Structure formats: C-alpha cells, structure tokens
Amino acid sequence: MKFSGVVLTDGNASSGYNRFFSVEEGLSAICFDKVFARDWTYPDTFEYYRRKRIKCAEVLVPDKIGFEYIKSAFAATKLAEYKLRGLSWPLPIEINPDIFFM
C-alpha cells in the first residue's frame, strides 16, 4: 500500500460510523480478527450490526491500481469463476465463498 493517498477504514466507507486512517494507523487500529471472521452473527442486534459493519473494512485507493499489482482474484462460485474467465482473465482465480456476503 505504497500508493499516495491510500486510506483504510474500519468498516464500510459509506457508513456513518467509521473511522478513516492512514495506512500505518489503520494497520494498528483495525480489528482484523473481526474483518476476517467467518461469521459475524451475534444474538445482540447492536453487536450484530457492528460486526457486520467491521466485516466491510476497506482500503481506499485514489485513481486506480495498475493491473501489474493484481496477482489473482477470488470468486464466490464456479459460475462466477467461469464468467470471469469469459472476460479473458489471465490470472489465477480462487473460489472462496466464505469471503463474500451470500
């Protein structure tokens, strides 16, 4: 994340309850255990929505990321992989439904 102007958020950037960080601050402040949790459900409604928001933490990069920096892609299903291949995607694709909201 050595691009100029990169910002990390501790939840979905469009939510009104997030904090925005420099890369260095964000790497220390973001709870990555919750971001990468397989399940964010919780019996308490407030905590459920808090965890769901955290699951959507973002890396915001101004302008664009050059294709030379992309090493692979994730797909939720075999069909999604097939569609991505149909766009002439040349790099590896890993099917991993756990990282998608489905």
Protein backbone atom coordinates (compact mmCIF):
# COMPACT_ATOMS: atom_id res chain seq x y z
CA MET A 1 0.00 0.00 0.00
CA LYS A 2 2.66 2.39 -1.05
CA PHE A 3 0.37 4.48 -3.24
CA SER A 4 -0.10 8.12 -2.35
CA GLY A 5 -3.37 8.98 -0.64
CA VAL A 6 -4.39 5.45 0.42
CA VAL A 7 -6.86 5.42 3.29
CA LEU A 8 -8.07 2.49 5.42
CA THR A 9 -11.49 2.34 7.06
CA ASP A 10 -12.64 0.19 9.96
CA GLY A 11 -15.94 -0.53 8.19
CA ASN A 12 -17.85 0.22 5.00
CA ALA A 13 -16.80 3.72 3.96
CA SER A 14 -20.37 4.78 3.22
CA SER A 15 -21.49 4.02 6.76
CA GLY A 16 -21.64 6.98 9.09
CA TYR A 17 -19.97 5.08 11.93
CA ASN A 18 -16.50 4.52 10.54
CA ARG A 19 -13.10 5.89 11.23
CA PHE A 20 -10.64 6.67 8.46
CA PHE A 21 -6.92 6.07 8.92
CA SER A 22 -3.59 6.45 7.24
CA VAL A 23 -2.17 3.06 6.27
CA GLU A 24 0.11 2.94 9.30
CA GLU A 25 -2.64 3.92 11.75
CA GLY A 26 -5.19 1.61 10.16
CA LEU A 27 -2.98 -1.46 10.30
CA SER A 28 -2.78 -0.95 14.07
CA ALA A 29 -6.36 0.17 14.71
CA ILE A 30 -8.43 -2.23 12.58
CA CYS A 31 -9.57 -5.44 14.27
CA PHE A 32 -8.53 -7.93 11.59
CA ASP A 33 -9.89 -10.88 13.58
CA LYS A 34 -13.37 -9.42 13.09
CA VAL A 35 -12.73 -8.35 9.48
CA PHE A 36 -11.75 -11.91 8.55
CA ALA A 37 -14.26 -13.66 10.82
CA ARG A 38 -16.18 -16.42 9.06
CA ASP A 39 -19.37 -15.43 10.85
CA TRP A 40 -20.38 -12.01 12.13
CA THR A 41 -23.76 -13.02 13.54
CA TYR A 42 -24.40 -12.33 17.19
CA PRO A 43 -27.54 -12.57 19.35
CA ASP A 44 -27.41 -8.90 20.36
CA THR A 45 -28.78 -6.80 17.48
CA PHE A 46 -26.45 -3.83 18.06
CA GLU A 47 -23.39 -6.09 18.18
CA TYR A 48 -24.56 -7.97 15.08
CA TYR A 49 -24.67 -4.74 13.03
CA ARG A 50 -21.38 -3.54 14.49
CA ARG A 51 -19.66 -6.77 13.45
CA LYS A 52 -21.29 -6.70 10.03
CA ARG A 53 -20.00 -3.14 9.51
CA ILE A 54 -16.49 -4.13 10.59
CA LYS A 55 -16.54 -7.04 8.13
CA CYS A 56 -16.72 -4.40 5.38
CA ALA A 57 -13.47 -2.59 6.26
CA GLU A 58 -11.93 -1.08 3.16
CA VAL A 59 -8.71 0.01 1.54
CA LEU A 60 -9.48 3.13 -0.49
CA VAL A 61 -7.02 3.86 -3.29
CA PRO A 62 -7.34 7.10 -5.25
CA ASP A 63 -7.48 6.88 -9.03
CA LYS A 64 -6.63 3.28 -9.91
CA ILE A 65 -4.45 0.26 -9.21
CA GLY A 66 -2.40 -0.87 -12.18
CA PHE A 67 -3.04 -4.40 -13.40
CA GLU A 68 0.61 -5.25 -12.74
CA TYR A 69 -0.18 -5.15 -9.00
CA ILE A 70 -3.01 -7.68 -9.22
CA LYS A 71 -1.84 -11.25 -8.68
CA SER A 72 -5.11 -13.21 -8.53
CA ALA A 73 -8.86 -12.98 -7.97
CA PHE A 74 -11.44 -14.56 -5.71
CA ALA A 75 -14.80 -15.84 -6.88
CA ALA A 76 -17.76 -16.92 -4.78
CA THR A 77 -18.85 -19.73 -7.08
CA LYS A 78 -17.71 -21.82 -10.02
CA LEU A 79 -20.15 -19.85 -12.19
CA ALA A 80 -18.52 -16.56 -11.14
CA GLU A 81 -15.12 -18.03 -11.99
CA TYR A 82 -16.45 -19.11 -15.39
CA LYS A 83 -17.80 -15.60 -16.08
CA LEU A 84 -14.50 -14.00 -15.07
CA ARG A 85 -12.61 -16.37 -17.37
CA GLY A 86 -15.05 -15.33 -20.11
CA LEU A 87 -13.66 -11.81 -19.77
CA SER A 88 -10.21 -13.17 -20.65
CA TRP A 89 -8.97 -13.00 -17.05
CA PRO A 90 -5.40 -14.35 -17.30
CA LEU A 91 -4.53 -14.78 -13.62
CA PRO A 92 -5.34 -17.45 -11.01
CA ILE A 93 -8.85 -17.48 -9.54
CA GLU A 94 -9.60 -18.99 -6.15
CA ILE A 95 -13.16 -19.99 -5.33
CA ASN A 96 -13.83 -18.95 -1.74
CA PRO A 97 -17.48 -18.29 -0.84
CA ASP A 98 -16.54 -17.52 2.78
CA ILE A 99 -15.30 -14.05 1.89
CA PHE A 100 -18.50 -12.99 0.13
CA PHE A 101 -21.88 -11.97 1.54
CA MET A 102 -24.13 -14.67 0.17
